[in-house]
Amino acid sequence: MKNKKLLLSFFIAIIIVVGCVGFYRYRQVNAHPQQYGVTKEQLFRKNELVKAYHVNFIVHEAAVKKSKDVVQAKVKFNIRQTGQSFYGEKKNNPSFRENMYLNNPYGTSSPSIKLYDKSHHSINTDKALAHGKQPFTIFFTIPRYSYDMRNQKLRFSFLVPTKKHYVKYSLLLE
């Protein structure tokens, strides 16, 4: 009987210690939650220099090609980082492609898989700003059925991170 009480007291003590450590860690992790969301959408036009937070860019060419099964978009642009890069919610991440989308409102939106430089060579997005020959070209593809279900115009969107949120810069493609 004495051993059972001792064993029960031991398990209760372990539960209390684990609970206190868990509560402390929960409070530590959630003390300063980071809220990253899109706060506004800013429309721009082709050949317009966009001066955003820590980045300037200009879209020279944008084209949409529709077939029976897919819709493809090609966007040609120049980009210049003017401050710290913070793409994909990672500090000092230079891979701006992670924040570029073919935005098909209320349908399938698509990130790009490849980025091409001026010489039409596939380029590593982590090294594009430092070693790439601009302008860059990026391609997107979405299913045709998703395109047909949209309720707004197709657009190229670039989510530019600011201090605690994103601004979505969008170019209407149609």
Protein backbone atom coordinates (compact mmCIF):
# COMPACT_ATOMS: atom_id res chain seq x y z
CA MET A 1 0.00 0.00 0.00
CA LYS A 2 2.83 2.34 0.88
CA ASN A 3 4.55 1.67 -2.48
CA LYS A 4 1.32 2.39 -4.38
CA LYS A 5 0.97 5.80 -2.68
CA LEU A 6 4.62 6.59 -3.38
CA LEU A 7 4.23 5.58 -7.04
CA LEU A 8 1.02 7.63 -7.39
CA SER A 9 2.72 10.67 -5.80
CA PHE A 10 5.64 10.27 -8.19
CA PHE A 11 3.35 10.24 -11.28
CA ILE A 12 1.40 13.26 -10.02
CA ALA A 13 4.68 15.16 -9.49
CA ILE A 14 5.81 14.29 -13.04
CA ILE A 15 2.46 15.46 -14.47
CA ILE A 16 2.73 18.75 -12.55
CA VAL A 17 6.32 19.36 -13.73
CA VAL A 18 5.50 18.53 -17.37
CA GLY A 19 2.41 20.76 -17.18
CA CYS A 20 4.40 23.68 -15.77
CA VAL A 21 7.15 23.31 -18.38
CA GLY A 22 4.53 23.04 -21.14
CA PHE A 23 2.69 26.12 -19.89
CA TYR A 24 5.96 28.09 -19.68
CA ARG A 25 6.93 27.05 -23.22
CA TYR A 26 3.44 27.87 -24.55
CA ARG A 27 3.66 31.38 -23.09
CA GLN A 28 7.21 31.82 -24.44
CA VAL A 29 6.27 30.79 -27.99
CA ASN A 30 3.07 32.84 -28.08
CA ALA A 31 4.39 35.95 -26.34
CA HIS A 32 5.05 37.74 -29.64
CA PRO A 33 3.00 36.07 -32.37
CA GLN A 34 3.87 37.20 -35.87
CA GLN A 35 0.86 38.11 -37.97
CA TYR A 36 1.68 38.00 -41.65
CA GLY A 37 -1.26 38.65 -43.87
CA VAL A 38 -2.06 40.65 -46.98
CA THR A 39 -3.27 44.08 -45.90
CA LYS A 40 -3.95 45.57 -49.33
CA GLU A 41 -3.71 44.96 -53.04
CA GLN A 42 -2.00 47.56 -55.18
CA LEU A 43 -2.65 47.38 -58.94
CA PHE A 44 0.08 48.48 -61.35
CA ARG A 45 0.56 48.58 -65.13
CA LYS A 46 3.13 47.14 -67.50
CA ASN A 47 6.30 49.25 -67.79
CA GLU A 48 5.49 51.07 -64.54
CA LEU A 49 8.33 51.15 -62.00
CA VAL A 50 6.97 49.88 -58.69
CA LYS A 51 8.86 51.12 -55.64
CA ALA A 52 7.86 48.80 -52.84
CA TYR A 53 9.30 48.12 -49.39
CA HIS A 54 12.95 47.04 -49.92
CA VAL A 55 12.40 46.14 -53.59
CA ASN A 56 11.82 47.90 -56.91
CA PHE A 57 10.50 46.04 -59.93
CA ILE A 58 9.07 46.64 -63.37
CA VAL A 59 7.11 44.24 -65.58
CA HIS A 60 8.03 44.68 -69.23
CA GLU A 61 5.90 42.00 -70.81
CA ALA A 62 2.98 39.83 -69.73
CA ALA A 63 1.10 37.43 -71.97
CA VAL A 64 -1.61 34.80 -71.48
CA LYS A 65 -1.98 31.81 -73.77
CA LYS A 66 -5.10 29.64 -73.50
CA SER A 67 -5.48 26.10 -74.79
CA LYS A 68 -8.15 23.48 -74.34
CA ASP A 69 -6.59 22.05 -71.15
CA VAL A 70 -4.42 24.77 -69.59
CA VAL A 71 -3.87 28.49 -69.36
CA GLN A 72 -0.26 29.66 -69.39
CA ALA A 73 1.13 33.05 -68.46
CA LYS A 74 4.57 34.48 -69.19
CA VAL A 75 5.86 37.49 -67.26
CA LYS A 76 9.12 39.29 -68.08
CA PHE A 77 10.43 41.66 -65.40
CA ASN A 78 13.40 43.41 -63.80
CA ILE A 79 13.84 43.44 -60.06
CA ARG A 80 16.25 45.21 -57.71
CA GLN A 81 16.47 44.55 -54.00
CA THR A 82 16.93 47.88 -52.16
CA GLY A 83 16.97 46.51 -48.62
CA GLN A 84 16.81 43.29 -46.64
CA SER A 85 15.09 40.41 -48.41
CA PHE A 86 12.44 38.50 -46.48
CA TYR A 87 10.66 36.22 -48.96
CA GLY A 88 8.79 33.12 -47.90
CA GLU A 89 8.74 34.52 -44.34
CA LYS A 90 12.45 33.73 -43.96
CA LYS A 91 14.92 36.41 -42.95
CA ASN A 92 17.53 37.17 -45.65
CA ASN A 93 15.81 34.85 -48.14
CA PRO A 94 16.53 36.25 -51.64
CA SER A 95 14.19 33.81 -53.44
CA PHE A 96 11.58 36.35 -54.57
CA ARG A 97 9.95 33.72 -56.80
CA GLU A 98 8.38 32.22 -53.67
CA ASN A 99 6.14 35.28 -53.47
CA MET A 100 5.10 35.47 -57.15
CA TYR A 101 1.82 33.89 -58.29
CA LEU A 102 -0.54 33.63 -61.18
CA ASN A 103 -3.55 34.79 -59.22
CA ASN A 104 -6.80 33.29 -60.47
CA PRO A 105 -9.39 34.76 -58.06
CA TYR A 106 -11.58 32.10 -56.48
CA GLY A 107 -9.90 29.38 -58.53
CA THR A 108 -6.53 27.65 -58.55
CA SER A 109 -3.66 30.11 -58.06
CA SER A 110 -0.28 28.90 -59.13
CA PRO A 111 3.30 29.58 -58.07
CA SER A 112 5.99 29.22 -60.70
CA ILE A 113 8.44 26.37 -60.73
CA LYS A 114 11.21 27.89 -62.87
CA LEU A 115 12.81 31.25 -63.41
CA TYR A 116 14.76 32.11 -66.56
CA ASP A 117 17.35 34.82 -67.12
CA LYS A 118 17.97 37.07 -70.13
CA SER A 119 19.80 34.26 -71.94
CA HIS A 120 16.81 31.90 -71.45
CA HIS A 121 18.76 29.73 -69.00
CA SER A 122 17.02 28.32 -65.95
CA ILE A 123 18.45 30.07 -62.91
CA ASN A 124 18.56 29.24 -59.21
CA THR A 125 16.19 31.68 -57.51
CA ASP A 126 18.46 31.97 -54.45
CA LYS A 127 21.26 33.33 -56.65
CA ALA A 128 19.18 35.23 -59.21
CA LEU A 129 19.57 38.72 -57.74
CA ALA A 130 23.32 38.40 -57.35
CA HIS A 131 24.25 36.45 -60.50
CA GLY A 132 21.29 36.57 -62.88
CA LYS A 133 21.19 38.49 -66.14
CA GLN A 134 18.06 40.60 -66.12
CA PRO A 135 15.31 40.79 -67.25
CA PHE A 136 13.96 37.56 -65.77
CA THR A 137 11.12 35.54 -67.25
CA ILE A 138 8.74 33.45 -65.18
CA PHE A 139 6.08 31.03 -66.43
CA PHE A 140 2.83 29.92 -64.76
CA THR A 141 0.27 27.25 -65.65
CA ILE A 142 -3.24 26.61 -64.32
CA PRO A 143 -5.95 24.16 -65.43
CA ARG A 144 -8.42 25.54 -67.94
CA TYR A 145 -11.46 24.46 -65.88
CA SER A 146 -10.20 26.57 -62.96
CA TYR A 147 -9.66 29.54 -65.26
CA ASP A 148 -13.21 29.21 -66.61
CA MET A 149 -14.65 29.29 -63.06
CA ARG A 150 -12.98 32.57 -62.03
CA ASN A 151 -15.11 35.56 -61.13
CA GLN A 152 -12.46 38.27 -61.57
CA LYS A 153 -9.68 38.96 -64.04
CA LEU A 154 -6.54 36.85 -64.06
CA ARG A 155 -3.54 38.64 -62.58
CA PHE A 156 0.15 38.31 -61.83
CA SER A 157 0.69 38.98 -58.12
CA PHE A 158 3.84 39.67 -56.16
CA LEU A 159 3.53 39.54 -52.36
CA VAL A 160 6.02 42.05 -51.00
CA PRO A 161 6.77 41.64 -47.30
CA THR A 162 6.89 44.75 -45.16
CA LYS A 163 7.56 44.83 -41.43
CA LYS A 164 4.53 42.84 -40.21
CA HIS A 165 2.38 42.16 -43.27
CA TYR A 166 2.34 41.80 -47.05
CA VAL A 167 1.29 44.16 -49.80
CA LYS A 168 0.05 42.35 -52.89
CA TYR A 169 1.15 44.11 -56.09
CA SER A 170 -0.98 42.88 -58.98
CA LEU A 171 -0.88 43.31 -62.74
CA LEU A 172 -4.13 42.53 -64.55
CA LEU A 173 -3.37 40.14 -67.40
CA GLU A 174 -6.68 40.46 -69.28
